[in-house]
ModelCIF file with pLDDT and N, C-alpha, C, O atoms, coordinates in Angstrom:
data_MODEL
#
_entry.id   MODEL 
#
_entity.id                         1 
_entity.type                       polymer 
_entity.pdbx_number_of_molecules   1 
#
_entity_poly.entity_id                      1 
_entity_poly.type                           'polypeptide(L)' 
_entity_poly.nstd_linkage                   no 
_entity_poly.nstd_monomer                   no 
_entity_poly.pdbx_seq_one_letter_code       YDRDEPQRVAEAIRLMGVKHAVLTSVNRD 
_entity_poly.pdbx_seq_one_letter_code_can   YDRDEPQRVAEAIRLMGVKHAVLTSVNRD 
_entity_poly.pdbx_strand_id                 A 
#
loop_
_entity_poly_seq.entity_id 
_entity_poly_seq.num 
_entity_poly_seq.mon_id 
_entity_poly_seq.hetero 
1 1  TYR n 
1 2  ASP n 
1 3  ARG n 
1 4  ASP n 
1 5  GLU n 
1 6  PRO n 
1 7  GLN n 
1 8  ARG n 
1 9  VAL n 
1 10 ALA n 
1 11 GLU n 
1 12 ALA n 
1 13 ILE n 
1 14 ARG n 
1 15 LEU n 
1 16 MET n 
1 17 GLY n 
1 18 VAL n 
1 19 LYS n 
1 20 HIS n 
1 21 ALA n 
1 22 VAL n 
1 23 LEU n 
1 24 THR n 
1 25 SER n 
1 26 VAL n 
1 27 ASN n 
1 28 ARG n 
1 29 ASP n 
#
_struct_asym.id          A 
_struct_asym.entity_id   1 
#
loop_
_ma_qa_metric.id 
_ma_qa_metric.mode 
_ma_qa_metric.name 
_ma_qa_metric.software_group_id 
_ma_qa_metric.type 
1 global pLDDT . pLDDT 
2 local  pLDDT . pLDDT 
#
_ma_qa_metric_global.metric_id      1 
_ma_qa_metric_global.metric_value   86.07 
_ma_qa_metric_global.model_id       1 
_ma_qa_metric_global.ordinal_id     1 
#
loop_
_ma_qa_metric_local.label_asym_id 
_ma_qa_metric_local.label_comp_id 
_ma_qa_metric_local.label_seq_id 
_ma_qa_metric_local.metric_id 
_ma_qa_metric_local.metric_value 
_ma_qa_metric_local.model_id 
_ma_qa_metric_local.ordinal_id 
A TYR 1  2 72.00 1 1  
A ASP 2  2 77.00 1 2  
A ARG 3  2 83.00 1 3  
A ASP 4  2 87.00 1 4  
A GLU 5  2 88.00 1 5  
A PRO 6  2 93.00 1 6  
A GLN 7  2 92.00 1 7  
A ARG 8  2 88.00 1 8  
A VAL 9  2 90.00 1 9  
A ALA 10 2 92.00 1 10 
A GLU 11 2 89.00 1 11 
A ALA 12 2 85.00 1 12 
A ILE 13 2 86.00 1 13 
A ARG 14 2 87.00 1 14 
A LEU 15 2 83.00 1 15 
A MET 16 2 80.00 1 16 
A GLY 17 2 79.00 1 17 
A VAL 18 2 78.00 1 18 
A LYS 19 2 81.00 1 19 
A HIS 20 2 83.00 1 20 
A ALA 21 2 85.00 1 21 
A VAL 22 2 88.00 1 22 
A LEU 23 2 91.00 1 23 
A THR 24 2 90.00 1 24 
A SER 25 2 90.00 1 25 
A VAL 26 2 88.00 1 26 
A ASN 27 2 88.00 1 27 
A ARG 28 2 91.00 1 28 
A ASP 29 2 92.00 1 29 
#
loop_
_atom_site.group_PDB 
_atom_site.id 
_atom_site.type_symbol 
_atom_site.label_atom_id 
_atom_site.label_alt_id 
_atom_site.label_comp_id 
_atom_site.label_asym_id 
_atom_site.label_entity_id 
_atom_site.label_seq_id 
_atom_site.pdbx_PDB_ins_code 
_atom_site.Cartn_x 
_atom_site.Cartn_y 
_atom_site.Cartn_z 
_atom_site.occupancy 
_atom_site.B_iso_or_equiv 
_atom_site.pdbx_formal_charge 
_atom_site.auth_seq_id 
_atom_site.auth_comp_id 
_atom_site.auth_asym_id 
_atom_site.auth_atom_id 
_atom_site.pdbx_PDB_model_num 
ATOM 1   N N  . TYR A 1 1  ? 0.851   -1.189  0.000  1.00 72.00 ? 1  TYR A N  1 
ATOM 2   C CA . TYR A 1 1  ? 0.000   0.000   0.000  1.00 72.00 ? 1  TYR A CA 1 
ATOM 3   C C  . TYR A 1 1  ? 0.888   1.241   0.000  1.00 72.00 ? 1  TYR A C  1 
ATOM 4   O O  . TYR A 1 1  ? 2.047   1.204   0.415  1.00 72.00 ? 1  TYR A O  1 
ATOM 5   N N  . ASP A 1 2  ? 0.320   2.318   -0.469 1.00 77.00 ? 2  ASP A N  1 
ATOM 6   C CA . ASP A 1 2  ? 1.047   3.567   -0.645 1.00 77.00 ? 2  ASP A CA 1 
ATOM 7   C C  . ASP A 1 2  ? 1.101   4.319   0.685  1.00 77.00 ? 2  ASP A C  1 
ATOM 8   O O  . ASP A 1 2  ? 0.076   4.816   1.152  1.00 77.00 ? 2  ASP A O  1 
ATOM 9   N N  . ARG A 1 3  ? 2.265   4.408   1.290  1.00 83.00 ? 3  ARG A N  1 
ATOM 10  C CA . ARG A 1 3  ? 2.398   5.022   2.606  1.00 83.00 ? 3  ARG A CA 1 
ATOM 11  C C  . ARG A 1 3  ? 2.263   6.548   2.562  1.00 83.00 ? 3  ARG A C  1 
ATOM 12  O O  . ARG A 1 3  ? 2.077   7.186   3.598  1.00 83.00 ? 3  ARG A O  1 
ATOM 13  N N  . ASP A 1 4  ? 2.356   7.120   1.382  1.00 87.00 ? 4  ASP A N  1 
ATOM 14  C CA . ASP A 1 4  ? 2.177   8.570   1.240  1.00 87.00 ? 4  ASP A CA 1 
ATOM 15  C C  . ASP A 1 4  ? 0.731   8.953   0.923  1.00 87.00 ? 4  ASP A C  1 
ATOM 16  O O  . ASP A 1 4  ? 0.397   10.136  0.864  1.00 87.00 ? 4  ASP A O  1 
ATOM 17  N N  . GLU A 1 5  ? -0.120  7.953   0.721  1.00 88.00 ? 5  GLU A N  1 
ATOM 18  C CA . GLU A 1 5  ? -1.500  8.218   0.323  1.00 88.00 ? 5  GLU A CA 1 
ATOM 19  C C  . GLU A 1 5  ? -2.267  9.079   1.336  1.00 88.00 ? 5  GLU A C  1 
ATOM 20  O O  . GLU A 1 5  ? -2.982  9.990   0.919  1.00 88.00 ? 5  GLU A O  1 
ATOM 21  N N  . PRO A 1 6  ? -2.152  8.833   2.638  1.00 93.00 ? 6  PRO A N  1 
ATOM 22  C CA . PRO A 1 6  ? -2.896  9.675   3.588  1.00 93.00 ? 6  PRO A CA 1 
ATOM 23  C C  . PRO A 1 6  ? -2.600  11.170  3.423  1.00 93.00 ? 6  PRO A C  1 
ATOM 24  O O  . PRO A 1 6  ? -3.511  11.995  3.487  1.00 93.00 ? 6  PRO A O  1 
ATOM 25  N N  . GLN A 1 7  ? -1.339  11.512  3.213  1.00 92.00 ? 7  GLN A N  1 
ATOM 26  C CA . GLN A 1 7  ? -0.971  12.915  3.038  1.00 92.00 ? 7  GLN A CA 1 
ATOM 27  C C  . GLN A 1 7  ? -1.571  13.481  1.759  1.00 92.00 ? 7  GLN A C  1 
ATOM 28  O O  . GLN A 1 7  ? -2.060  14.611  1.754  1.00 92.00 ? 7  GLN A O  1 
ATOM 29  N N  . ARG A 1 8  ? -1.542  12.724  0.690  1.00 88.00 ? 8  ARG A N  1 
ATOM 30  C CA . ARG A 1 8  ? -2.070  13.208  -0.590 1.00 88.00 ? 8  ARG A CA 1 
ATOM 31  C C  . ARG A 1 8  ? -3.582  13.390  -0.527 1.00 88.00 ? 8  ARG A C  1 
ATOM 32  O O  . ARG A 1 8  ? -4.116  14.353  -1.078 1.00 88.00 ? 8  ARG A O  1 
ATOM 33  N N  . VAL A 1 9  ? -4.268  12.477  0.138  1.00 90.00 ? 9  VAL A N  1 
ATOM 34  C CA . VAL A 1 9  ? -5.719  12.615  0.289  1.00 90.00 ? 9  VAL A CA 1 
ATOM 35  C C  . VAL A 1 9  ? -6.045  13.879  1.075  1.00 90.00 ? 9  VAL A C  1 
ATOM 36  O O  . VAL A 1 9  ? -6.930  14.646  0.697  1.00 90.00 ? 9  VAL A O  1 
ATOM 37  N N  . ALA A 1 10 ? -5.325  14.085  2.164  1.00 92.00 ? 10 ALA A N  1 
ATOM 38  C CA . ALA A 1 10 ? -5.574  15.263  3.002  1.00 92.00 ? 10 ALA A CA 1 
ATOM 39  C C  . ALA A 1 10 ? -5.324  16.555  2.224  1.00 92.00 ? 10 ALA A C  1 
ATOM 40  O O  . ALA A 1 10 ? -6.083  17.516  2.353  1.00 92.00 ? 10 ALA A O  1 
ATOM 41  N N  . GLU A 1 11 ? -4.276  16.579  1.426  1.00 89.00 ? 11 GLU A N  1 
ATOM 42  C CA . GLU A 1 11 ? -3.961  17.775  0.643  1.00 89.00 ? 11 GLU A CA 1 
ATOM 43  C C  . GLU A 1 11 ? -4.996  18.008  -0.457 1.00 89.00 ? 11 GLU A C  1 
ATOM 44  O O  . GLU A 1 11 ? -5.362  19.151  -0.730 1.00 89.00 ? 11 GLU A O  1 
ATOM 45  N N  . ALA A 1 12 ? -5.461  16.950  -1.076 1.00 85.00 ? 12 ALA A N  1 
ATOM 46  C CA . ALA A 1 12 ? -6.478  17.092  -2.123 1.00 85.00 ? 12 ALA A CA 1 
ATOM 47  C C  . ALA A 1 12 ? -7.779  17.634  -1.541 1.00 85.00 ? 12 ALA A C  1 
ATOM 48  O O  . ALA A 1 12 ? -8.429  18.480  -2.155 1.00 85.00 ? 12 ALA A O  1 
ATOM 49  N N  . ILE A 1 13 ? -8.153  17.160  -0.380 1.00 86.00 ? 13 ILE A N  1 
ATOM 50  C CA . ILE A 1 13 ? -9.367  17.661  0.277  1.00 86.00 ? 13 ILE A CA 1 
ATOM 51  C C  . ILE A 1 13 ? -9.228  19.146  0.597  1.00 86.00 ? 13 ILE A C  1 
ATOM 52  O O  . ILE A 1 13 ? -10.188 19.904  0.455  1.00 86.00 ? 13 ILE A O  1 
ATOM 53  N N  . ARG A 1 14 ? -8.038  19.564  1.028  1.00 87.00 ? 14 ARG A N  1 
ATOM 54  C CA . ARG A 1 14 ? -7.800  20.979  1.318  1.00 87.00 ? 14 ARG A CA 1 
ATOM 55  C C  . ARG A 1 14 ? -7.923  21.827  0.050  1.00 87.00 ? 14 ARG A C  1 
ATOM 56  O O  . ARG A 1 14 ? -8.547  22.888  0.063  1.00 87.00 ? 14 ARG A O  1 
ATOM 57  N N  . LEU A 1 15 ? -7.324  21.352  -1.042 1.00 83.00 ? 15 LEU A N  1 
ATOM 58  C CA . LEU A 1 15 ? -7.359  22.104  -2.293 1.00 83.00 ? 15 LEU A CA 1 
ATOM 59  C C  . LEU A 1 15 ? -8.771  22.178  -2.875 1.00 83.00 ? 15 LEU A C  1 
ATOM 60  O O  . LEU A 1 15 ? -9.130  23.161  -3.525 1.00 83.00 ? 15 LEU A O  1 
ATOM 61  N N  . MET A 1 16 ? -9.560  21.144  -2.641 1.00 80.00 ? 16 MET A N  1 
ATOM 62  C CA . MET A 1 16 ? -10.938 21.142  -3.131 1.00 80.00 ? 16 MET A CA 1 
ATOM 63  C C  . MET A 1 16 ? -11.844 22.014  -2.276 1.00 80.00 ? 16 MET A C  1 
ATOM 64  O O  . MET A 1 16 ? -12.941 22.378  -2.701 1.00 80.00 ? 16 MET A O  1 
ATOM 65  N N  . GLY A 1 17 ? -11.392 22.352  -1.068 1.00 79.00 ? 17 GLY A N  1 
ATOM 66  C CA . GLY A 1 17 ? -12.223 23.136  -0.177 1.00 79.00 ? 17 GLY A CA 1 
ATOM 67  C C  . GLY A 1 17 ? -13.442 22.376  0.299  1.00 79.00 ? 17 GLY A C  1 
ATOM 68  O O  . GLY A 1 17 ? -14.514 22.954  0.477  1.00 79.00 ? 17 GLY A O  1 
ATOM 69  N N  . VAL A 1 18 ? -13.277 21.063  0.509  1.00 78.00 ? 18 VAL A N  1 
ATOM 70  C CA . VAL A 1 18 ? -14.400 20.204  0.883  1.00 78.00 ? 18 VAL A CA 1 
ATOM 71  C C  . VAL A 1 18 ? -14.853 20.501  2.318  1.00 78.00 ? 18 VAL A C  1 
ATOM 72  O O  . VAL A 1 18 ? -14.034 20.539  3.236  1.00 78.00 ? 18 VAL A O  1 
ATOM 73  N N  . LYS A 1 19 ? -16.141 20.708  2.500  1.00 81.00 ? 19 LYS A N  1 
ATOM 74  C CA . LYS A 1 19 ? -16.688 20.941  3.835  1.00 81.00 ? 19 LYS A CA 1 
ATOM 75  C C  . LYS A 1 19 ? -17.003 19.643  4.556  1.00 81.00 ? 19 LYS A C  1 
ATOM 76  O O  . LYS A 1 19 ? -16.918 19.567  5.782  1.00 81.00 ? 19 LYS A O  1 
ATOM 77  N N  . HIS A 1 20 ? -17.370 18.617  3.785  1.00 83.00 ? 20 HIS A N  1 
ATOM 78  C CA . HIS A 1 20 ? -17.656 17.303  4.368  1.00 83.00 ? 20 HIS A CA 1 
ATOM 79  C C  . HIS A 1 20 ? -17.001 16.254  3.483  1.00 83.00 ? 20 HIS A C  1 
ATOM 80  O O  . HIS A 1 20 ? -17.400 16.075  2.332  1.00 83.00 ? 20 HIS A O  1 
ATOM 81  N N  . ALA A 1 21 ? -15.998 15.558  4.012  1.00 85.00 ? 21 ALA A N  1 
ATOM 82  C CA . ALA A 1 21 ? -15.232 14.587  3.240  1.00 85.00 ? 21 ALA A CA 1 
ATOM 83  C C  . ALA A 1 21 ? -15.743 13.172  3.492  1.00 85.00 ? 21 ALA A C  1 
ATOM 84  O O  . ALA A 1 21 ? -16.128 12.832  4.611  1.00 85.00 ? 21 ALA A O  1 
ATOM 85  N N  . VAL A 1 22 ? -15.744 12.355  2.450  1.00 88.00 ? 22 VAL A N  1 
ATOM 86  C CA . VAL A 1 22 ? -16.137 10.955  2.570  1.00 88.00 ? 22 VAL A CA 1 
ATOM 87  C C  . VAL A 1 22 ? -14.963 10.081  2.133  1.00 88.00 ? 22 VAL A C  1 
ATOM 88  O O  . VAL A 1 22 ? -14.411 10.263  1.047  1.00 88.00 ? 22 VAL A O  1 
ATOM 89  N N  . LEU A 1 23 ? -14.589 9.133   2.988  1.00 91.00 ? 23 LEU A N  1 
ATOM 90  C CA . LEU A 1 23 ? -13.500 8.210   2.698  1.00 91.00 ? 23 LEU A CA 1 
ATOM 91  C C  . LEU A 1 23 ? -14.021 6.781   2.752  1.00 91.00 ? 23 LEU A C  1 
ATOM 92  O O  . LEU A 1 23 ? -14.849 6.437   3.596  1.00 91.00 ? 23 LEU A O  1 
ATOM 93  N N  . THR A 1 24 ? -13.526 5.961   1.844  1.00 90.00 ? 24 THR A N  1 
ATOM 94  C CA . THR A 1 24 ? -13.834 4.536   1.897  1.00 90.00 ? 24 THR A CA 1 
ATOM 95  C C  . THR A 1 24 ? -12.578 3.774   1.515  1.00 90.00 ? 24 THR A C  1 
ATOM 96  O O  . THR A 1 24 ? -11.538 4.382   1.265  1.00 90.00 ? 24 THR A O  1 
ATOM 97  N N  . SER A 1 25 ? -12.659 2.454   1.465  1.00 90.00 ? 25 SER A N  1 
ATOM 98  C CA . SER A 1 25 ? -11.487 1.665   1.067  1.00 90.00 ? 25 SER A CA 1 
ATOM 99  C C  . SER A 1 25 ? -11.932 0.314   0.541  1.00 90.00 ? 25 SER A C  1 
ATOM 100 O O  . SER A 1 25 ? -13.069 -0.114  0.743  1.00 90.00 ? 25 SER A O  1 
ATOM 101 N N  . VAL A 1 26 ? -11.020 -0.333  -0.126 1.00 88.00 ? 26 VAL A N  1 
ATOM 102 C CA . VAL A 1 26 ? -11.202 -1.739  -0.465 1.00 88.00 ? 26 VAL A CA 1 
ATOM 103 C C  . VAL A 1 26 ? -10.947 -2.565  0.793  1.00 88.00 ? 26 VAL A C  1 
ATOM 104 O O  . VAL A 1 26 ? -10.459 -2.040  1.793  1.00 88.00 ? 26 VAL A O  1 
ATOM 105 N N  . ASN A 1 27 ? -11.272 -3.846  0.745  1.00 88.00 ? 27 ASN A N  1 
ATOM 106 C CA . ASN A 1 27 ? -10.888 -4.767  1.813  1.00 88.00 ? 27 ASN A CA 1 
ATOM 107 C C  . ASN A 1 27 ? -9.445  -5.203  1.581  1.00 88.00 ? 27 ASN A C  1 
ATOM 108 O O  . ASN A 1 27 ? -9.057  -5.540  0.462  1.00 88.00 ? 27 ASN A O  1 
ATOM 109 N N  . ARG A 1 28 ? -8.651  -5.191  2.660  1.00 91.00 ? 28 ARG A N  1 
ATOM 110 C CA . ARG A 1 28 ? -7.264  -5.653  2.574  1.00 91.00 ? 28 ARG A CA 1 
ATOM 111 C C  . ARG A 1 28 ? -7.064  -6.775  3.597  1.00 91.00 ? 28 ARG A C  1 
ATOM 112 O O  . ARG A 1 28 ? -6.289  -6.649  4.545  1.00 91.00 ? 28 ARG A O  1 
ATOM 113 N N  . ASP A 1 29 ? -7.790  -7.878  3.373  1.00 92.00 ? 29 ASP A N  1 
ATOM 114 C CA . ASP A 1 29 ? -7.778  -8.984  4.326  1.00 92.00 ? 29 ASP A CA 1 
ATOM 115 C C  . ASP A 1 29 ? -6.412  -9.636  4.459  1.00 92.00 ? 29 ASP A C  1 
ATOM 116 O O  . ASP A 1 29 ? -6.252  -10.584 5.229  1.00 92.00 ? 29 ASP A O  1 
#
């Protein structure tokens, strides 16, 4: 998995100016 992904998601949400963010994921059993 991409260890830098959390930072990129957070930055994208900031740039989009999102007031309510929704996150989901695949299953990684």
